[in-house]
Amino acid sequence: MALQPDDVLDARGLPCPLPLLKAKQALSRLAPGQVLEVMATDAGSWRDLETFIEQSDYQMPAREARGDVYHYWIRKAAEPSR
């Protein structure tokens, strides 16, 4: 993956909904425009993170499954212009 994350969250082994909750916490610490890579083994994270992105200003430029590990790259939303 060519996307270079600014932070990595290892949520492998955590049951639903913890990968999503931990991702939200990690995103809150990033600056606008920075990218978080999330690794999870919970199959429900595929749907949970997709739904979260659809209902937010965040972007998911890429996601992929490598064996039983799901990788997500989430870009923090830019600050709204005033």
PDB file of N, CA and C in Angstrom:
ATOM      1  N   MET A   1       0.849  -1.181   0.000  1.00  0.00           N
ATOM      2  CA  MET A   1       0.000   0.000   0.000  1.00  0.00           C
ATOM      3  C   MET A   1       0.892   1.241   0.000  1.00  0.00           C
ATOM      4  N   ALA A   2       0.655   2.148  -0.907  1.00  0.00           N
ATOM      5  CA  ALA A   2       1.480   3.339  -1.058  1.00  0.00           C
ATOM      6  C   ALA A   2       1.115   4.427  -0.053  1.00  0.00           C
ATOM      7  N   LEU A   3      -0.040   4.303   0.587  1.00  0.00           N
ATOM      8  CA  LEU A   3      -0.487   5.308   1.547  1.00  0.00           C
ATOM      9  C   LEU A   3       0.353   5.223   2.816  1.00  0.00           C
ATOM     10  N   GLN A   4       0.982   6.317   3.205  1.00  0.00           N
ATOM     11  CA  GLN A   4       1.791   6.333   4.416  1.00  0.00           C
ATOM     12  C   GLN A   4       0.967   6.878   5.572  1.00  0.00           C
ATOM     13  N   PRO A   5       0.670   6.038   6.571  1.00  0.00           N
ATOM     14  CA  PRO A   5      -0.128   6.515   7.694  1.00  0.00           C
ATOM     15  C   PRO A   5       0.691   7.400   8.638  1.00  0.00           C
ATOM     16  N   ASP A   6       0.008   8.313   9.289  1.00  0.00           N
ATOM     17  CA  ASP A   6       0.632   9.148  10.314  1.00  0.00           C
ATOM     18  C   ASP A   6       0.589   8.454  11.671  1.00  0.00           C
ATOM     19  N   ASP A   7      -0.323   7.489  11.820  1.00  0.00           N
ATOM     20  CA  ASP A   7      -0.444   6.708  13.045  1.00  0.00           C
ATOM     21  C   ASP A   7      -1.031   5.353  12.668  1.00  0.00           C
ATOM     22  N   VAL A   8      -0.746   4.340  13.486  1.00  0.00           N
ATOM     23  CA  VAL A   8      -1.250   2.988  13.243  1.00  0.00           C
ATOM     24  C   VAL A   8      -1.961   2.514  14.503  1.00  0.00           C
ATOM     25  N   LEU A   9      -3.152   1.974  14.321  1.00  0.00           N
ATOM     26  CA  LEU A   9      -3.922   1.397  15.419  1.00  0.00           C
ATOM     27  C   LEU A   9      -4.000  -0.106  15.211  1.00  0.00           C
ATOM     28  N   ASP A  10      -3.465  -0.862  16.163  1.00  0.00           N
ATOM     29  CA  ASP A  10      -3.534  -2.318  16.102  1.00  0.00           C
ATOM     30  C   ASP A  10      -4.721  -2.766  16.942  1.00  0.00           C
ATOM     31  N   ALA A  11      -5.838  -3.052  16.281  1.00  0.00           N
ATOM     32  CA  ALA A  11      -7.055  -3.487  16.967  1.00  0.00           C
ATOM     33  C   ALA A  11      -7.299  -4.973  16.741  1.00  0.00           C
ATOM     34  N   ARG A  12      -6.247  -5.704  16.378  1.00  0.00           N
ATOM     35  CA  ARG A  12      -6.387  -7.141  16.157  1.00  0.00           C
ATOM     36  C   ARG A  12      -6.763  -7.827  17.467  1.00  0.00           C
ATOM     37  N   GLY A  13      -7.720  -8.747  17.371  1.00  0.00           N
ATOM     38  CA  GLY A  13      -8.154  -9.492  18.539  1.00  0.00           C
ATOM     39  C   GLY A  13      -9.266  -8.822  19.326  1.00  0.00           C
ATOM     40  N   LEU A  14      -9.591  -7.576  18.996  1.00  0.00           N
ATOM     41  CA  LEU A  14     -10.658  -6.874  19.706  1.00  0.00           C
ATOM     42  C   LEU A  14     -12.003  -7.175  19.059  1.00  0.00           C
ATOM     43  N   PRO A  15     -13.023  -7.500  19.874  1.00  0.00           N
ATOM     44  CA  PRO A  15     -14.348  -7.792  19.318  1.00  0.00           C
ATOM     45  C   PRO A  15     -15.101  -6.511  18.984  1.00  0.00           C
ATOM     46  N   CYS A  16     -16.095  -6.649  18.132  1.00  0.00           N
ATOM     47  CA  CYS A  16     -16.978  -5.550  17.762  1.00  0.00           C
ATOM     48  C   CYS A  16     -17.647  -5.012  19.030  1.00  0.00           C
ATOM     49  N   PRO A  17     -17.783  -3.740  19.223  1.00  0.00           N
ATOM     50  CA  PRO A  17     -17.468  -2.598  18.364  1.00  0.00           C
ATOM     51  C   PRO A  17     -16.138  -1.935  18.696  1.00  0.00           C
ATOM     52  N   LEU A  18     -15.255  -2.618  19.429  1.00  0.00           N
ATOM     53  CA  LEU A  18     -14.020  -1.979  19.885  1.00  0.00           C
ATOM     54  C   LEU A  18     -13.112  -1.455  18.772  1.00  0.00           C
ATOM     55  N   PRO A  19     -12.938  -2.141  17.633  1.00  0.00           N
ATOM     56  CA  PRO A  19     -12.089  -1.540  16.588  1.00  0.00           C
ATOM     57  C   PRO A  19     -12.592  -0.156  16.156  1.00  0.00           C
ATOM     58  N   LEU A  20     -13.902  -0.009  16.017  1.00  0.00           N
ATOM     59  CA  LEU A  20     -14.461   1.287  15.629  1.00  0.00           C
ATOM     60  C   LEU A  20     -14.258   2.320  16.733  1.00  0.00           C
ATOM     61  N   LEU A  21     -14.521   1.959  17.968  1.00  0.00           N
ATOM     62  CA  LEU A  21     -14.375   2.909  19.076  1.00  0.00           C
ATOM     63  C   LEU A  21     -12.923   3.350  19.248  1.00  0.00           C
ATOM     64  N   LYS A  22     -11.993   2.403  19.135  1.00  0.00           N
ATOM     65  CA  LYS A  22     -10.568   2.736  19.248  1.00  0.00           C
ATOM     66  C   LYS A  22     -10.124   3.603  18.068  1.00  0.00           C
ATOM     67  N   ALA A  23     -10.680   3.348  16.882  1.00  0.00           N
ATOM     68  CA  ALA A  23     -10.344   4.168  15.711  1.00  0.00           C
ATOM     69  C   ALA A  23     -10.818   5.600  15.910  1.00  0.00           C
ATOM     70  N   LYS A  24     -12.018   5.776  16.455  1.00  0.00           N
ATOM     71  CA  LYS A  24     -12.523   7.127  16.712  1.00  0.00           C
ATOM     72  C   LYS A  24     -11.618   7.857  17.694  1.00  0.00           C
ATOM     73  N   GLN A  25     -11.163   7.166  18.738  1.00  0.00           N
ATOM     74  CA  GLN A  25     -10.258   7.779  19.719  1.00  0.00           C
ATOM     75  C   GLN A  25      -8.943   8.185  19.058  1.00  0.00           C
ATOM     76  N   ALA A  26      -8.387   7.293  18.244  1.00  0.00           N
ATOM     77  CA  ALA A  26      -7.119   7.584  17.577  1.00  0.00           C
ATOM     78  C   ALA A  26      -7.261   8.741  16.592  1.00  0.00           C
ATOM     79  N   LEU A  27      -8.370   8.791  15.867  1.00  0.00           N
ATOM     80  CA  LEU A  27      -8.597   9.886  14.918  1.00  0.00           C
ATOM     81  C   LEU A  27      -8.695  11.224  15.629  1.00  0.00           C
ATOM     82  N   SER A  28      -9.227  11.241  16.842  1.00  0.00           N
ATOM     83  CA  SER A  28      -9.377  12.507  17.569  1.00  0.00           C
ATOM     84  C   SER A  28      -8.020  13.117  17.917  1.00  0.00           C
ATOM     85  N   ARG A  29      -6.976  12.302  17.934  1.00  0.00           N
ATOM     86  CA  ARG A  29      -5.629  12.796  18.265  1.00  0.00           C
ATOM     87  C   ARG A  29      -4.849  13.258  17.031  1.00  0.00           C
ATOM     88  N   LEU A  30      -5.386  13.002  15.836  1.00  0.00           N
ATOM     89  CA  LEU A  30      -4.690  13.385  14.609  1.00  0.00           C
ATOM     90  C   LEU A  30      -5.065  14.787  14.170  1.00  0.00           C
ATOM     91  N   ALA A  31      -4.177  15.397  13.405  1.00  0.00           N
ATOM     92  CA  ALA A  31      -4.457  16.699  12.807  1.00  0.00           C
ATOM     93  C   ALA A  31      -5.289  16.485  11.542  1.00  0.00           C
ATOM     94  N   PRO A  32      -6.075  17.480  11.142  1.00  0.00           N
ATOM     95  CA  PRO A  32      -6.854  17.362   9.907  1.00  0.00           C
ATOM     96  C   PRO A  32      -5.956  16.993   8.726  1.00  0.00           C
ATOM     97  N   GLY A  33      -6.426  16.051   7.924  1.00  0.00           N
ATOM     98  CA  GLY A  33      -5.687  15.610   6.750  1.00  0.00           C
ATOM     99  C   GLY A  33      -4.745  14.443   7.007  1.00  0.00           C
ATOM    100  N   GLN A  34      -4.463  14.141   8.274  1.00  0.00           N
ATOM    101  CA  GLN A  34      -3.579  13.019   8.571  1.00  0.00           C
ATOM    102  C   GLN A  34      -4.317  11.693   8.385  1.00  0.00           C
ATOM    103  N   VAL A  35      -3.536  10.623   8.220  1.00  0.00           N
ATOM    104  CA  VAL A  35      -4.099   9.304   7.923  1.00  0.00           C
ATOM    105  C   VAL A  35      -3.802   8.328   9.067  1.00  0.00           C
ATOM    106  N   LEU A  36      -4.833   7.580   9.436  1.00  0.00           N
ATOM    107  CA  LEU A  36      -4.734   6.520  10.431  1.00  0.00           C
ATOM    108  C   LEU A  36      -4.871   5.183   9.721  1.00  0.00           C
ATOM    109  N   GLU A  37      -3.947   4.264   9.991  1.00  0.00           N
ATOM    110  CA  GLU A  37      -4.101   2.896   9.514  1.00  0.00           C
ATOM    111  C   GLU A  37      -4.643   2.068  10.666  1.00  0.00           C
ATOM    112  N   VAL A  38      -5.716   1.332  10.419  1.00  0.00           N
ATOM    113  CA  VAL A  38      -6.323   0.460  11.417  1.00  0.00           C
ATOM    114  C   VAL A  38      -6.165  -0.975  10.955  1.00  0.00           C
ATOM    115  N   MET A  39      -5.685  -1.835  11.864  1.00  0.00           N
ATOM    116  CA  MET A  39      -5.616  -3.268  11.594  1.00  0.00           C
ATOM    117  C   MET A  39      -6.585  -3.948  12.545  1.00  0.00           C
ATOM    118  N   ALA A  40      -7.471  -4.785  12.013  1.00  0.00           N
ATOM    119  CA  ALA A  40      -8.462  -5.464  12.838  1.00  0.00           C
ATOM    120  C   ALA A  40      -8.681  -6.880  12.324  1.00  0.00           C
ATOM    121  N   THR A  41      -9.077  -7.762  13.233  1.00  0.00           N
ATOM    122  CA  THR A  41      -9.398  -9.137  12.843  1.00  0.00           C
ATOM    123  C   THR A  41     -10.894  -9.405  12.935  1.00  0.00           C
ATOM    124  N   ASP A  42     -11.653  -8.487  13.479  1.00  0.00           N
ATOM    125  CA  ASP A  42     -13.099  -8.649  13.594  1.00  0.00           C
ATOM    126  C   ASP A  42     -13.748  -8.377  12.234  1.00  0.00           C
ATOM    127  N   ALA A  43     -14.429  -9.391  11.690  1.00  0.00           N
ATOM    128  CA  ALA A  43     -15.045  -9.244  10.368  1.00  0.00           C
ATOM    129  C   ALA A  43     -16.088  -8.134  10.347  1.00  0.00           C
ATOM    130  N   GLY A  44     -16.727  -7.860  11.465  1.00  0.00           N
ATOM    131  CA  GLY A  44     -17.723  -6.796  11.538  1.00  0.00           C
ATOM    132  C   GLY A  44     -17.136  -5.414  11.360  1.00  0.00           C
ATOM    133  N   SER A  45     -15.823  -5.292  11.531  1.00  0.00           N
ATOM    134  CA  SER A  45     -15.190  -3.976  11.366  1.00  0.00           C
ATOM    135  C   SER A  45     -15.321  -3.479   9.924  1.00  0.00           C
ATOM    136  N   TRP A  46     -15.404  -4.408   8.972  1.00  0.00           N
ATOM    137  CA  TRP A  46     -15.539  -4.019   7.554  1.00  0.00           C
ATOM    138  C   TRP A  46     -16.793  -3.172   7.371  1.00  0.00           C
ATOM    139  N   ARG A  47     -17.901  -3.652   7.919  1.00  0.00           N
ATOM    140  CA  ARG A  47     -19.180  -2.940   7.822  1.00  0.00           C
ATOM    141  C   ARG A  47     -19.200  -1.715   8.754  1.00  0.00           C
ATOM    142  N   ASP A  48     -18.707  -1.882   9.983  1.00  0.00           N
ATOM    143  CA  ASP A  48     -18.746  -0.794  10.960  1.00  0.00           C
ATOM    144  C   ASP A  48     -17.984   0.436  10.480  1.00  0.00           C
ATOM    145  N   LEU A  49     -16.776   0.230   9.984  1.00  0.00           N
ATOM    146  CA  LEU A  49     -15.968   1.374   9.546  1.00  0.00           C
ATOM    147  C   LEU A  49     -16.529   1.988   8.266  1.00  0.00           C
ATOM    148  N   GLU A  50     -17.067   1.163   7.387  1.00  0.00           N
ATOM    149  CA  GLU A  50     -17.697   1.688   6.169  1.00  0.00           C
ATOM    150  C   GLU A  50     -18.876   2.592   6.522  1.00  0.00           C
ATOM    151  N   THR A  51     -19.712   2.147   7.447  1.00  0.00           N
ATOM    152  CA  THR A  51     -20.868   2.940   7.877  1.00  0.00           C
ATOM    153  C   THR A  51     -20.430   4.227   8.544  1.00  0.00           C
ATOM    154  N   PHE A  52     -19.413   4.138   9.394  1.00  0.00           N
ATOM    155  CA  PHE A  52     -18.878   5.323  10.068  1.00  0.00           C
ATOM    156  C   PHE A  52     -18.409   6.364   9.049  1.00  0.00           C
ATOM    157  N   ILE A  53     -17.687   5.922   8.039  1.00  0.00           N
ATOM    158  CA  ILE A  53     -17.169   6.844   7.017  1.00  0.00           C
ATOM    159  C   ILE A  53     -18.321   7.483   6.240  1.00  0.00           C
ATOM    160  N   GLU A  54     -19.327   6.685   5.893  1.00  0.00           N
ATOM    161  CA  GLU A  54     -20.473   7.219   5.142  1.00  0.00           C
ATOM    162  C   GLU A  54     -21.226   8.286   5.923  1.00  0.00           C
ATOM    163  N   GLN A  55     -21.218   8.199   7.252  1.00  0.00           N
ATOM    164  CA  GLN A  55     -21.979   9.119   8.088  1.00  0.00           C
ATOM    165  C   GLN A  55     -21.114  10.222   8.690  1.00  0.00           C
ATOM    166  N   SER A  56     -19.893  10.377   8.191  1.00  0.00           N
ATOM    167  CA  SER A  56     -18.979  11.372   8.754  1.00  0.00           C
ATOM    168  C   SER A  56     -18.305  12.156   7.628  1.00  0.00           C
ATOM    169  N   ASP A  57     -17.425  13.053   8.018  1.00  0.00           N
ATOM    170  CA  ASP A  57     -16.642  13.816   7.045  1.00  0.00           C
ATOM    171  C   ASP A  57     -15.290  13.160   6.767  1.00  0.00           C
ATOM    172  N   TYR A  58     -15.031  12.017   7.398  1.00  0.00           N
ATOM    173  CA  TYR A  58     -13.770  11.315   7.180  1.00  0.00           C
ATOM    174  C   TYR A  58     -13.790  10.631   5.822  1.00  0.00           C
ATOM    175  N   GLN A  59     -12.603  10.254   5.341  1.00  0.00           N
ATOM    176  CA  GLN A  59     -12.482   9.546   4.070  1.00  0.00           C
ATOM    177  C   GLN A  59     -11.727   8.249   4.296  1.00  0.00           C
ATOM    178  N   MET A  60     -12.054   7.224   3.522  1.00  0.00           N
ATOM    179  CA  MET A  60     -11.310   5.972   3.555  1.00  0.00           C
ATOM    180  C   MET A  60     -10.726   5.753   2.166  1.00  0.00           C
ATOM    181  N   PRO A  61      -9.499   6.279   1.931  1.00  0.00           N
ATOM    182  CA  PRO A  61      -8.914   6.147   0.603  1.00  0.00           C
ATOM    183  C   PRO A  61      -8.599   4.710   0.212  1.00  0.00           C
ATOM    184  N   ALA A  62      -8.476   3.809   1.204  1.00  0.00           N
ATOM    185  CA  ALA A  62      -8.182   2.416   0.872  1.00  0.00           C
ATOM    186  C   ALA A  62      -8.558   1.512   2.033  1.00  0.00           C
ATOM    187  N   ARG A  63      -8.867   0.263   1.687  1.00  0.00           N
ATOM    188  CA  ARG A  63      -9.037  -0.800   2.676  1.00  0.00           C
ATOM    189  C   ARG A  63      -8.808  -2.111   1.964  1.00  0.00           C
ATOM    190  N   GLU A  64      -8.304  -3.082   2.707  1.00  0.00           N
ATOM    191  CA  GLU A  64      -8.047  -4.385   2.108  1.00  0.00           C
ATOM    192  C   GLU A  64      -7.990  -5.458   3.183  1.00  0.00           C
ATOM    193  N   ALA A  65      -8.246  -6.678   2.765  1.00  0.00           N
ATOM    194  CA  ALA A  65      -8.133  -7.838   3.646  1.00  0.00           C
ATOM    195  C   ALA A  65      -6.876  -8.597   3.250  1.00  0.00           C
ATOM    196  N   ARG A  66      -6.040  -8.880   4.242  1.00  0.00           N
ATOM    197  CA  ARG A  66      -4.836  -9.690   4.029  1.00  0.00           C
ATOM    198  C   ARG A  66      -4.963 -10.899   4.948  1.00  0.00           C
ATOM    199  N   GLY A  67      -5.417 -11.999   4.391  1.00  0.00           N
ATOM    200  CA  GLY A  67      -5.681 -13.168   5.219  1.00  0.00           C
ATOM    201  C   GLY A  67      -6.834 -12.858   6.154  1.00  0.00           C
ATOM    202  N   ASP A  68      -6.621 -13.017   7.455  1.00  0.00           N
ATOM    203  CA  ASP A  68      -7.684 -12.735   8.418  1.00  0.00           C
ATOM    204  C   ASP A  68      -7.526 -11.371   9.082  1.00  0.00           C
ATOM    205  N   VAL A  69      -6.685 -10.515   8.504  1.00  0.00           N
ATOM    206  CA  VAL A  69      -6.488  -9.160   9.040  1.00  0.00           C
ATOM    207  C   VAL A  69      -7.013  -8.143   8.034  1.00  0.00           C
ATOM    208  N   TYR A  70      -7.858  -7.256   8.533  1.00  0.00           N
ATOM    209  CA  TYR A  70      -8.426  -6.182   7.713  1.00  0.00           C
ATOM    210  C   TYR A  70      -7.622  -4.914   7.967  1.00  0.00           C
ATOM    211  N   HIS A  71      -7.262  -4.231   6.895  1.00  0.00           N
ATOM    212  CA  HIS A  71      -6.495  -2.986   6.985  1.00  0.00           C
ATOM    213  C   HIS A  71      -7.355  -1.862   6.412  1.00  0.00           C
ATOM    214  N   TYR A  72      -7.399  -0.765   7.143  1.00  0.00           N
ATOM    215  CA  TYR A  72      -8.169   0.419   6.735  1.00  0.00           C
ATOM    216  C   TYR A  72      -7.267   1.632   6.839  1.00  0.00           C
ATOM    217  N   TRP A  73      -7.371   2.523   5.877  1.00  0.00           N
ATOM    218  CA  TRP A  73      -6.672   3.795   5.922  1.00  0.00           C
ATOM    219  C   TRP A  73      -7.736   4.876   5.951  1.00  0.00           C
ATOM    220  N   ILE A  74      -7.751   5.638   7.031  1.00  0.00           N
ATOM    221  CA  ILE A  74      -8.784   6.653   7.226  1.00  0.00           C
ATOM    222  C   ILE A  74      -8.128   8.019   7.332  1.00  0.00           C
ATOM    223  N   ARG A  75      -8.584   8.942   6.496  1.00  0.00           N
ATOM    224  CA  ARG A  75      -8.061  10.314   6.511  1.00  0.00           C
ATOM    225  C   ARG A  75      -8.985  11.173   7.358  1.00  0.00           C
ATOM    226  N   LYS A  76      -8.375  11.875   8.323  1.00  0.00           N
ATOM    227  CA  LYS A  76      -9.168  12.755   9.179  1.00  0.00           C
ATOM    228  C   LYS A  76      -9.689  13.922   8.360  1.00  0.00           C
ATOM    229  N   ALA A  77     -10.924  14.272   8.635  1.00  0.00           N
ATOM    230  CA  ALA A  77     -11.576  15.364   7.907  1.00  0.00           C
ATOM    231  C   ALA A  77     -10.834  16.671   8.127  1.00  0.00           C
ATOM    232  N   ALA A  78     -10.792  17.473   7.097  1.00  0.00           N
ATOM    233  CA  ALA A  78     -10.213  18.804   7.208  1.00  0.00           C
ATOM    234  C   ALA A  78     -11.143  19.671   8.046  1.00  0.00           C
ATOM    235  N   GLU A  79     -10.574  20.643   8.700  1.00  0.00           N
ATOM    236  CA  GLU A  79     -11.382  21.575   9.491  1.00  0.00           C
ATOM    237  C   GLU A  79     -12.325  22.318   8.539  1.00  0.00           C
ATOM    238  N   PRO A  80     -13.581  22.486   8.949  1.00  0.00           N
ATOM    239  CA  PRO A  80     -14.492  23.225   8.078  1.00  0.00           C
ATOM    240  C   PRO A  80     -14.027  24.661   7.876  1.00  0.00           C
ATOM    241  N   SER A  81     -14.170  25.134   6.654  1.00  0.00           N
ATOM    242  CA  SER A  81     -13.788  26.536   6.377  1.00  0.00           C
ATOM    243  C   SER A  81     -14.846  27.462   6.950  1.00  0.00           C
ATOM    244  N   ARG A  82     -14.409  28.597   7.399  1.00  0.00           N
ATOM    245  CA  ARG A  82     -15.335  29.548   8.024  1.00  0.00           C
ATOM    246  C   ARG A  82     -15.597  30.724   7.136  1.00  0.00           C
TER     247      ARG A  82
END
